[in-house]
Amino acid sequence: MKVQSKVGFLAKNADTIEYIPYYEVFDYCCQEIEKRNLVDDFNNSALSPFDYVMGSLEYIFVNPLFNNDKYLVCRNSLYYTVDKQKVLDTVDINPDDSLYQNVLSTFYDKMDSNIFMLQVTEDVLEEVDFLEESMDCFIKADGKIMKKHDYCRHSALANTICNDRLIKDMSFSQLYFENFISSTHCSELFLVGKCNFIEIDYESDTCVLLYNEDTITDLQKEAIKNVIGEDVIVQNKEVQNGVTCIITQSSQKLDNSGFSK
């Protein structure tokens, strides 16, 4: 079994990163809140412990989702990554600043501004039974639907889902680490290929579905019909590394062959 690389936190004005296993992050955040006597403020915030430490205390998270070349910064309920190499380049410009300050300097220079994750407390992990047609979303094995916010990519929602499990589940953390690939779509492919999620993504007048053909459930098939409608045909189907990609388009004739086990 591969030994997990560790993640860490960098507090304000700190030069030392405190490294811990990923699955201990939730407990670490709870301890930080207690240590700083902020339990009452935390309870009134309606935030998760991770969101509170990152958002309210403005900690910086190191190696998010095992990306060992990234820092994670939270601003206005959204998470962004900062490239470590760009921070090193900034150190040459601001040699007297702390590592924390140099990470923020790099971030505010808009050098890496794509939304990486969302706050759990924005109901991004809320599950619903039914969505209208033409909705970007993920569908779990039980048919429950997790919809994507219009302003973020599928990868941001997938990263949020995975991080929420990584910080408190050792088995999930190990499985994710063993399947980690250096790609912006790592979390999406992991959820689809290993966790039996289905991803639905609309592009113009077509719909792209990603799923594991060996594990798709009847409940997921029913949920797919709710989201993409019944009058569709399969235009293209490809399978790669256990993940099936189907492209559909509206039609008068329904072709369910792509969703057969």
C-alpha atoms as a PDB file:
ATOM      1  CA  MET A   1       0.000   0.000   0.000  1.00  0.00           C
ATOM      2  CA  LYS A   2       1.343   3.429  -0.944  1.00  0.00           C
ATOM      3  CA  VAL A   3       1.979   5.676   2.061  1.00  0.00           C
ATOM      4  CA  GLN A   4      -0.071   8.841   1.838  1.00  0.00           C
ATOM      5  CA  SER A   5       1.677  12.137   1.450  1.00  0.00           C
ATOM      6  CA  LYS A   6       0.679  14.574   4.161  1.00  0.00           C
ATOM      7  CA  VAL A   7      -1.200  17.844   4.037  1.00  0.00           C
ATOM      8  CA  GLY A   8      -0.724  20.869   6.244  1.00  0.00           C
ATOM      9  CA  PHE A   9      -1.860  24.247   7.508  1.00  0.00           C
ATOM     10  CA  LEU A  10      -0.156  27.612   7.558  1.00  0.00           C
ATOM     11  CA  ALA A  11      -1.531  30.139  10.038  1.00  0.00           C
ATOM     12  CA  LYS A  12      -1.329  33.916   9.702  1.00  0.00           C
ATOM     13  CA  ASN A  13       2.186  35.311  10.011  1.00  0.00           C
ATOM     14  CA  ALA A  14       3.592  31.799  10.366  1.00  0.00           C
ATOM     15  CA  ASP A  15       6.643  30.415   8.635  1.00  0.00           C
ATOM     16  CA  THR A  16       6.208  26.814   9.762  1.00  0.00           C
ATOM     17  CA  ILE A  17       3.727  24.435   8.157  1.00  0.00           C
ATOM     18  CA  GLU A  18       2.095  21.910  10.480  1.00  0.00           C
ATOM     19  CA  TYR A  19       1.755  18.643   8.554  1.00  0.00           C
ATOM     20  CA  ILE A  20      -0.826  15.939   9.360  1.00  0.00           C
ATOM     21  CA  PRO A  21      -2.471  13.001   7.554  1.00  0.00           C
ATOM     22  CA  TYR A  22      -5.359  14.158   5.357  1.00  0.00           C
ATOM     23  CA  TYR A  23      -7.956  12.155   7.282  1.00  0.00           C
ATOM     24  CA  GLU A  24      -7.029  13.979  10.519  1.00  0.00           C
ATOM     25  CA  VAL A  25      -7.815  17.440   9.116  1.00  0.00           C
ATOM     26  CA  PHE A  26     -11.378  17.550  10.471  1.00  0.00           C
ATOM     27  CA  ASP A  27     -10.210  16.788  14.014  1.00  0.00           C
ATOM     28  CA  TYR A  28      -7.325  19.236  13.656  1.00  0.00           C
ATOM     29  CA  CYS A  29      -9.742  22.030  12.717  1.00  0.00           C
ATOM     30  CA  CYS A  30     -11.960  21.247  15.705  1.00  0.00           C
ATOM     31  CA  GLN A  31      -8.909  21.376  17.997  1.00  0.00           C
ATOM     32  CA  GLU A  32      -7.782  24.711  16.549  1.00  0.00           C
ATOM     33  CA  ILE A  33     -11.209  26.211  17.205  1.00  0.00           C
ATOM     34  CA  GLU A  34     -11.156  24.969  20.799  1.00  0.00           C
ATOM     35  CA  LYS A  35      -7.537  26.039  21.357  1.00  0.00           C
ATOM     36  CA  ARG A  36      -8.377  29.576  20.271  1.00  0.00           C
ATOM     37  CA  ASN A  37     -11.517  29.685  22.475  1.00  0.00           C
ATOM     38  CA  LEU A  38     -13.718  30.271  19.448  1.00  0.00           C
ATOM     39  CA  VAL A  39     -16.282  27.523  19.989  1.00  0.00           C
ATOM     40  CA  ASP A  40     -19.182  29.937  20.528  1.00  0.00           C
ATOM     41  CA  ASP A  41     -18.280  31.983  17.470  1.00  0.00           C
ATOM     42  CA  PHE A  42     -17.904  28.807  15.442  1.00  0.00           C
ATOM     43  CA  ASN A  43     -21.306  27.509  16.593  1.00  0.00           C
ATOM     44  CA  ASN A  44     -22.915  30.779  15.520  1.00  0.00           C
ATOM     45  CA  SER A  45     -21.212  30.733  12.129  1.00  0.00           C
ATOM     46  CA  ALA A  46     -23.059  27.714  10.653  1.00  0.00           C
ATOM     47  CA  LEU A  47     -19.754  26.788   8.993  1.00  0.00           C
ATOM     48  CA  SER A  48     -18.062  23.400   8.948  1.00  0.00           C
ATOM     49  CA  PRO A  49     -14.855  23.231  11.031  1.00  0.00           C
ATOM     50  CA  PHE A  50     -12.722  23.218   7.855  1.00  0.00           C
ATOM     51  CA  ASP A  51     -14.602  26.156   6.332  1.00  0.00           C
ATOM     52  CA  TYR A  52     -14.329  28.091   9.599  1.00  0.00           C
ATOM     53  CA  VAL A  53     -10.586  27.599   9.941  1.00  0.00           C
ATOM     54  CA  MET A  54     -10.007  28.420   6.273  1.00  0.00           C
ATOM     55  CA  GLY A  55     -12.554  31.244   5.948  1.00  0.00           C
ATOM     56  CA  SER A  56     -12.835  32.938   9.336  1.00  0.00           C
ATOM     57  CA  LEU A  57      -9.299  32.278  10.614  1.00  0.00           C
ATOM     58  CA  GLU A  58      -7.821  32.577   7.113  1.00  0.00           C
ATOM     59  CA  TYR A  59      -5.497  29.594   7.362  1.00  0.00           C
ATOM     60  CA  ILE A  60      -3.764  28.383   4.199  1.00  0.00           C
ATOM     61  CA  PHE A  61      -4.087  24.680   3.364  1.00  0.00           C
ATOM     62  CA  VAL A  62      -1.060  22.892   1.930  1.00  0.00           C
ATOM     63  CA  ASN A  63      -1.276  20.091  -0.688  1.00  0.00           C
ATOM     64  CA  PRO A  64      -5.072  20.213  -1.262  1.00  0.00           C
ATOM     65  CA  LEU A  65      -6.407  16.929  -2.689  1.00  0.00           C
ATOM     66  CA  PHE A  66      -2.805  15.671  -2.645  1.00  0.00           C
ATOM     67  CA  ASN A  67      -1.714  18.331  -5.136  1.00  0.00           C
ATOM     68  CA  ASN A  68       1.775  18.696  -3.711  1.00  0.00           C
ATOM     69  CA  ASP A  69       2.512  21.749  -5.844  1.00  0.00           C
ATOM     70  CA  LYS A  70      -0.435  23.825  -4.561  1.00  0.00           C
ATOM     71  CA  TYR A  71      -1.602  25.939  -1.638  1.00  0.00           C
ATOM     72  CA  LEU A  72      -5.321  26.498  -0.970  1.00  0.00           C
ATOM     73  CA  VAL A  73      -6.723  29.919  -0.042  1.00  0.00           C
ATOM     74  CA  CYS A  74     -10.332  30.714   0.924  1.00  0.00           C
ATOM     75  CA  ARG A  75     -11.868  34.070   0.088  1.00  0.00           C
ATOM     76  CA  ASN A  76     -15.575  35.007   0.065  1.00  0.00           C
ATOM     77  CA  SER A  77     -16.723  31.391   0.534  1.00  0.00           C
ATOM     78  CA  LEU A  78     -14.718  30.191  -2.462  1.00  0.00           C
ATOM     79  CA  TYR A  79     -11.447  28.274  -2.553  1.00  0.00           C
ATOM     80  CA  TYR A  80      -8.580  28.991  -4.929  1.00  0.00           C
ATOM     81  CA  THR A  81      -5.243  27.300  -5.465  1.00  0.00           C
ATOM     82  CA  VAL A  82      -1.889  29.035  -5.564  1.00  0.00           C
ATOM     83  CA  ASP A  83       1.050  27.483  -7.366  1.00  0.00           C
ATOM     84  CA  LYS A  84       4.006  26.817  -5.054  1.00  0.00           C
ATOM     85  CA  GLN A  85       6.561  27.624  -7.743  1.00  0.00           C
ATOM     86  CA  LYS A  86       4.954  31.035  -8.254  1.00  0.00           C
ATOM     87  CA  VAL A  87       5.244  31.606  -4.506  1.00  0.00           C
ATOM     88  CA  LEU A  88       8.954  30.771  -4.659  1.00  0.00           C
ATOM     89  CA  ASP A  89       9.316  33.308  -7.458  1.00  0.00           C
ATOM     90  CA  THR A  90       7.557  35.882  -5.267  1.00  0.00           C
ATOM     91  CA  VAL A  91       9.970  35.193  -2.401  1.00  0.00           C
ATOM     92  CA  ASP A  92      12.761  36.610  -4.566  1.00  0.00           C
ATOM     93  CA  ILE A  93      10.756  39.812  -4.862  1.00  0.00           C
ATOM     94  CA  ASN A  94       9.662  39.958  -1.200  1.00  0.00           C
ATOM     95  CA  PRO A  95      12.459  38.175   0.712  1.00  0.00           C
ATOM     96  CA  ASP A  96      11.519  39.755   4.040  1.00  0.00           C
ATOM     97  CA  ASP A  97       7.909  38.568   3.974  1.00  0.00           C
ATOM     98  CA  SER A  98       6.735  35.378   5.665  1.00  0.00           C
ATOM     99  CA  LEU A  99       5.695  32.347   3.640  1.00  0.00           C
ATOM    100  CA  TYR A 100       2.081  33.172   4.527  1.00  0.00           C
ATOM    101  CA  GLN A 101       2.417  36.711   3.185  1.00  0.00           C
ATOM    102  CA  ASN A 102       4.123  35.527   0.004  1.00  0.00           C
ATOM    103  CA  VAL A 103       1.333  33.014  -0.666  1.00  0.00           C
ATOM    104  CA  LEU A 104      -1.225  35.809  -0.334  1.00  0.00           C
ATOM    105  CA  SER A 105       0.850  38.155  -2.502  1.00  0.00           C
ATOM    106  CA  THR A 106       0.883  35.517  -5.228  1.00  0.00           C
ATOM    107  CA  PHE A 107      -2.853  34.925  -4.831  1.00  0.00           C
ATOM    108  CA  TYR A 108      -3.758  38.600  -5.062  1.00  0.00           C
ATOM    109  CA  ASP A 109      -1.707  38.917  -8.212  1.00  0.00           C
ATOM    110  CA  LYS A 110      -4.403  36.699  -9.794  1.00  0.00           C
ATOM    111  CA  MET A 111      -1.859  34.158 -10.892  1.00  0.00           C
ATOM    112  CA  ASP A 112      -4.155  31.203 -10.243  1.00  0.00           C
ATOM    113  CA  SER A 113      -7.750  32.404 -10.050  1.00  0.00           C
ATOM    114  CA  ASN A 114      -9.935  29.439 -11.072  1.00  0.00           C
ATOM    115  CA  ILE A 115     -12.413  28.316  -8.413  1.00  0.00           C
ATOM    116  CA  PHE A 116     -11.037  25.090  -6.946  1.00  0.00           C
ATOM    117  CA  MET A 117     -13.612  24.290  -4.238  1.00  0.00           C
ATOM    118  CA  LEU A 118     -16.757  25.642  -2.617  1.00  0.00           C
ATOM    119  CA  GLN A 119     -17.729  25.953   1.012  1.00  0.00           C
ATOM    120  CA  VAL A 120     -19.691  22.956   2.251  1.00  0.00           C
ATOM    121  CA  THR A 121     -21.973  25.338   4.129  1.00  0.00           C
ATOM    122  CA  GLU A 122     -23.290  26.787   0.874  1.00  0.00           C
ATOM    123  CA  ASP A 123     -25.361  23.597   0.562  1.00  0.00           C
ATOM    124  CA  VAL A 124     -23.175  22.356  -2.282  1.00  0.00           C
ATOM    125  CA  LEU A 125     -23.454  18.841  -0.853  1.00  0.00           C
ATOM    126  CA  GLU A 126     -27.232  18.961  -0.573  1.00  0.00           C
ATOM    127  CA  GLU A 127     -28.909  15.964  -2.211  1.00  0.00           C
ATOM    128  CA  VAL A 128     -32.265  16.196  -3.995  1.00  0.00           C
ATOM    129  CA  ASP A 129     -34.582  13.559  -5.440  1.00  0.00           C
ATOM    130  CA  PHE A 130     -35.481  15.274  -8.699  1.00  0.00           C
ATOM    131  CA  LEU A 131     -34.179  17.949 -11.029  1.00  0.00           C
ATOM    132  CA  GLU A 132     -35.741  19.510 -14.059  1.00  0.00           C
ATOM    133  CA  GLU A 133     -34.233  18.722 -17.441  1.00  0.00           C
ATOM    134  CA  SER A 134     -30.957  20.258 -18.623  1.00  0.00           C
ATOM    135  CA  MET A 135     -29.239  20.517 -15.244  1.00  0.00           C
ATOM    136  CA  ASP A 136     -25.506  19.983 -14.705  1.00  0.00           C
ATOM    137  CA  CYS A 137     -25.140  17.628 -11.765  1.00  0.00           C
ATOM    138  CA  PHE A 138     -23.785  14.460 -10.192  1.00  0.00           C
ATOM    139  CA  ILE A 139     -26.014  11.453  -9.491  1.00  0.00           C
ATOM    140  CA  LYS A 140     -25.182   9.039  -6.667  1.00  0.00           C
ATOM    141  CA  ALA A 141     -25.812   5.284  -6.693  1.00  0.00           C
ATOM    142  CA  ASP A 142     -29.071   5.749  -4.761  1.00  0.00           C
ATOM    143  CA  GLY A 143     -30.401   8.153  -7.403  1.00  0.00           C
ATOM    144  CA  LYS A 144     -29.882  11.239  -5.227  1.00  0.00           C
ATOM    145  CA  ILE A 145     -28.764  14.283  -7.199  1.00  0.00           C
ATOM    146  CA  MET A 146     -26.111  16.861  -6.322  1.00  0.00           C
ATOM    147  CA  LYS A 147     -26.527  19.869  -8.586  1.00  0.00           C
ATOM    148  CA  LYS A 148     -23.730  22.101  -9.771  1.00  0.00           C
ATOM    149  CA  HIS A 149     -23.736  25.843  -9.219  1.00  0.00           C
ATOM    150  CA  ASP A 150     -23.852  27.818 -12.438  1.00  0.00           C
ATOM    151  CA  TYR A 151     -20.717  29.778 -11.572  1.00  0.00           C
ATOM    152  CA  CYS A 152     -18.411  26.797 -10.999  1.00  0.00           C
ATOM    153  CA  ARG A 153     -17.086  23.870 -12.985  1.00  0.00           C
ATOM    154  CA  HIS A 154     -17.833  20.213 -12.328  1.00  0.00           C
ATOM    155  CA  SER A 155     -14.293  19.889 -11.036  1.00  0.00           C
ATOM    156  CA  ALA A 156     -14.957  22.432  -8.257  1.00  0.00           C
ATOM    157  CA  LEU A 157     -17.995  20.507  -7.016  1.00  0.00           C
ATOM    158  CA  ALA A 158     -16.144  17.191  -7.311  1.00  0.00           C
ATOM    159  CA  ASN A 159     -13.207  18.629  -5.375  1.00  0.00           C
ATOM    160  CA  THR A 160     -15.589  19.824  -2.662  1.00  0.00           C
ATOM    161  CA  ILE A 161     -17.262  16.419  -2.394  1.00  0.00           C
ATOM    162  CA  CYS A 162     -13.923  14.619  -2.188  1.00  0.00           C
ATOM    163  CA  ASN A 163     -12.302  17.039   0.259  1.00  0.00           C
ATOM    164  CA  ASP A 164     -15.269  16.714   2.614  1.00  0.00           C
ATOM    165  CA  ARG A 165     -14.593  12.942   2.775  1.00  0.00           C
ATOM    166  CA  LEU A 166     -10.803  13.139   2.672  1.00  0.00           C
ATOM    167  CA  ILE A 167     -10.572  15.217   5.847  1.00  0.00           C
ATOM    168  CA  LYS A 168     -12.286  12.617   8.053  1.00  0.00           C
ATOM    169  CA  ASP A 169     -12.308   9.202   6.354  1.00  0.00           C
ATOM    170  CA  MET A 170      -9.039   7.238   6.367  1.00  0.00           C
ATOM    171  CA  SER A 171     -10.248   4.542   3.931  1.00  0.00           C
ATOM    172  CA  PHE A 172     -11.546   7.113   1.449  1.00  0.00           C
ATOM    173  CA  SER A 173      -8.355   9.123   1.815  1.00  0.00           C
ATOM    174  CA  GLN A 174      -6.167   6.099   1.087  1.00  0.00           C
ATOM    175  CA  LEU A 175      -8.258   5.054  -1.920  1.00  0.00           C
ATOM    176  CA  TYR A 176      -8.158   8.568  -3.361  1.00  0.00           C
ATOM    177  CA  PHE A 177      -4.405   8.799  -2.840  1.00  0.00           C
ATOM    178  CA  GLU A 178      -3.805   5.455  -4.557  1.00  0.00           C
ATOM    179  CA  ASN A 179      -5.840   6.638  -7.553  1.00  0.00           C
ATOM    180  CA  PHE A 180      -4.489  10.179  -7.657  1.00  0.00           C
ATOM    181  CA  ILE A 181      -3.487  11.527 -11.047  1.00  0.00           C
ATOM    182  CA  SER A 182      -2.095  14.962 -11.804  1.00  0.00           C
ATOM    183  CA  SER A 183      -5.156  16.348 -13.559  1.00  0.00           C
ATOM    184  CA  THR A 184      -7.757  19.045 -12.961  1.00  0.00           C
ATOM    185  CA  HIS A 185     -10.337  16.282 -13.484  1.00  0.00           C
ATOM    186  CA  CYS A 186      -8.890  13.842 -10.927  1.00  0.00           C
ATOM    187  CA  SER A 187     -11.785  14.172  -8.461  1.00  0.00           C
ATOM    188  CA  GLU A 188     -14.406  13.827 -11.184  1.00  0.00           C
ATOM    189  CA  LEU A 189     -12.831  10.678 -12.588  1.00  0.00           C
ATOM    190  CA  PHE A 190     -12.411   9.262  -9.079  1.00  0.00           C
ATOM    191  CA  LEU A 191     -16.060   9.840  -8.146  1.00  0.00           C
ATOM    192  CA  VAL A 192     -17.255   8.334 -11.419  1.00  0.00           C
ATOM    193  CA  GLY A 193     -14.807   5.463 -11.685  1.00  0.00           C
ATOM    194  CA  LYS A 194     -14.451   4.432  -8.036  1.00  0.00           C
ATOM    195  CA  CYS A 195     -17.442   5.850  -6.133  1.00  0.00           C
ATOM    196  CA  ASN A 196     -20.256   5.112  -8.611  1.00  0.00           C
ATOM    197  CA  PHE A 197     -21.180   8.729  -9.307  1.00  0.00           C
ATOM    198  CA  ILE A 198     -22.601   9.843 -12.657  1.00  0.00           C
ATOM    199  CA  GLU A 199     -21.617  13.233 -14.056  1.00  0.00           C
ATOM    200  CA  ILE A 200     -23.988  15.093 -16.355  1.00  0.00           C
ATOM    201  CA  ASP A 201     -22.714  18.126 -18.246  1.00  0.00           C
ATOM    202  CA  TYR A 202     -24.584  20.167 -20.826  1.00  0.00           C
ATOM    203  CA  GLU A 203     -22.649  21.742 -23.667  1.00  0.00           C
ATOM    204  CA  SER A 204     -24.757  23.758 -26.089  1.00  0.00           C
ATOM    205  CA  ASP A 205     -27.476  21.439 -27.427  1.00  0.00           C
ATOM    206  CA  THR A 206     -25.749  18.224 -26.355  1.00  0.00           C
ATOM    207  CA  CYS A 207     -25.380  16.401 -23.053  1.00  0.00           C
ATOM    208  CA  VAL A 208     -22.256  14.562 -21.886  1.00  0.00           C
ATOM    209  CA  LEU A 209     -22.603  11.728 -19.363  1.00  0.00           C
ATOM    210  CA  LEU A 210     -19.727  10.059 -17.518  1.00  0.00           C
ATOM    211  CA  TYR A 211     -20.346   6.867 -15.530  1.00  0.00           C
ATOM    212  CA  ASN A 212     -19.016   3.426 -14.650  1.00  0.00           C
ATOM    213  CA  GLU A 213     -20.867   0.986 -16.877  1.00  0.00           C
ATOM    214  CA  ASP A 214     -20.198  -1.940 -14.517  1.00  0.00           C
ATOM    215  CA  THR A 215     -21.856  -0.349 -11.499  1.00  0.00           C
ATOM    216  CA  ILE A 216     -24.659   1.899 -12.827  1.00  0.00           C
ATOM    217  CA  THR A 217     -27.878   1.291 -10.877  1.00  0.00           C
ATOM    218  CA  ASP A 218     -31.537   1.280 -11.899  1.00  0.00           C
ATOM    219  CA  LEU A 219     -32.095   4.283  -9.615  1.00  0.00           C
ATOM    220  CA  GLN A 220     -29.410   6.189 -11.491  1.00  0.00           C
ATOM    221  CA  LYS A 221     -30.988   5.296 -14.834  1.00  0.00           C
ATOM    222  CA  GLU A 222     -34.304   6.727 -13.657  1.00  0.00           C
ATOM    223  CA  ALA A 223     -32.592   9.865 -12.393  1.00  0.00           C
ATOM    224  CA  ILE A 224     -30.841  10.293 -15.746  1.00  0.00           C
ATOM    225  CA  LYS A 225     -34.208  10.304 -17.526  1.00  0.00           C
ATOM    226  CA  ASN A 226     -35.393  13.075 -15.177  1.00  0.00           C
ATOM    227  CA  VAL A 227     -32.352  15.217 -15.891  1.00  0.00           C
ATOM    228  CA  ILE A 228     -31.783  14.711 -19.630  1.00  0.00           C
ATOM    229  CA  GLY A 229     -35.355  13.887 -20.639  1.00  0.00           C
ATOM    230  CA  GLU A 230     -36.601  10.823 -22.505  1.00  0.00           C
ATOM    231  CA  ASP A 231     -36.432  12.090 -26.096  1.00  0.00           C
ATOM    232  CA  VAL A 232     -32.704  11.659 -26.638  1.00  0.00           C
ATOM    233  CA  ILE A 233     -30.442   9.562 -28.833  1.00  0.00           C
ATOM    234  CA  VAL A 234     -26.880   8.447 -28.165  1.00  0.00           C
ATOM    235  CA  GLN A 235     -24.548  10.190 -30.615  1.00  0.00           C
ATOM    236  CA  ASN A 236     -21.265   8.798 -29.386  1.00  0.00           C
ATOM    237  CA  LYS A 237     -19.983   6.361 -26.755  1.00  0.00           C
ATOM    238  CA  GLU A 238     -16.406   5.819 -25.601  1.00  0.00           C
ATOM    239  CA  VAL A 239     -14.872   3.859 -22.718  1.00  0.00           C
ATOM    240  CA  GLN A 240     -11.513   4.711 -21.183  1.00  0.00           C
ATOM    241  CA  ASN A 241      -9.992   3.467 -17.907  1.00  0.00           C
ATOM    242  CA  GLY A 242     -13.343   2.126 -16.713  1.00  0.00           C
ATOM    243  CA  VAL A 243     -15.189   5.403 -17.345  1.00  0.00           C
ATOM    244  CA  THR A 244     -17.859   5.482 -20.054  1.00  0.00           C
ATOM    245  CA  CYS A 245     -18.522   8.760 -21.851  1.00  0.00           C
ATOM    246  CA  ILE A 246     -21.795   9.150 -23.722  1.00  0.00           C
ATOM    247  CA  ILE A 247     -22.905  12.170 -25.740  1.00  0.00           C
ATOM    248  CA  THR A 248     -26.642  12.539 -26.276  1.00  0.00           C
ATOM    249  CA  GLN A 249     -28.843  14.923 -28.204  1.00  0.00           C
ATOM    250  CA  SER A 250     -32.571  15.575 -28.113  1.00  0.00           C
ATOM    251  CA  SER A 251     -34.626  13.538 -30.582  1.00  0.00           C
ATOM    252  CA  GLN A 252     -38.090  12.157 -31.090  1.00  0.00           C
ATOM    253  CA  LYS A 253     -36.744   8.664 -30.518  1.00  0.00           C
ATOM    254  CA  LEU A 254     -35.310   7.473 -27.194  1.00  0.00           C
ATOM    255  CA  ASP A 255     -32.270   5.182 -27.317  1.00  0.00           C
ATOM    256  CA  ASN A 256     -31.490   3.686 -23.903  1.00  0.00           C
ATOM    257  CA  SER A 257     -28.892   1.248 -25.181  1.00  0.00           C
ATOM    258  CA  GLY A 258     -26.103   3.325 -23.718  1.00  0.00           C
ATOM    259  CA  PHE A 259     -27.481   2.918 -20.233  1.00  0.00           C
ATOM    260  CA  SER A 260     -27.793  -0.878 -20.306  1.00  0.00           C
ATOM    261  CA  LYS A 261     -25.617  -2.907 -17.986  1.00  0.00           C
END
